[in-house]
Amino acid sequence: MPQSLTHVYVHLVFSTKYRQPIIGDEVKDELYAYLGGICKQLECNPVKVGGYYDHVHILCILSKKIALMKLLEEVKKSSSKWMKTRGDAYQDFYWQDGYGAFSVNPSQVDAVIRYISNQYQHHQETTFQDECRGIYKKYGTAYDERYVWD
């Protein structure tokens, strides 16, 4: 096949540093739009961006032109700098060092969109840590509790 074709959905999850609940209602929509814009600039078509006060979820189509690690580096670096421009309350804004990235079967895209859309309802019943544990279990991802929560 002389042509390179890809269509890889990826679900990205990462939290604020120490899971600080700093993503307030006054900035969340702008932040989600900004995160989607960064993905778009990197040719990683954003499908859904959302989250909660202490973390974000991004569902996008990974470009064949960028490594996953580079996508996360750019998204987190650029958005962290942008958040610091949103006022004094965000001067100490940082993302956690790590992230979760999970492939999504095209048949499950609508379910992931609904999941991201319902984060505020979902987190009335579960913490970010328990949410991540559930995702890790679903994907069979081995992890060490000592190193995933910063």
Foldseek 3Di string as FASTA:
>chain_A
DPDDDFWWKKKKKWWWALQPLQCDPVCFVVLQVVLQVLCVVVVFHWDDWAAGSTMIITITTDDPVDDPVVSVVRSQVVSLVVQCVPDPSSVPIHIYPDMDMDIDDPVCVVVVRVVRVCRVVVVVPDDPVVVVVVVCVVVVNDDDVVPDRD
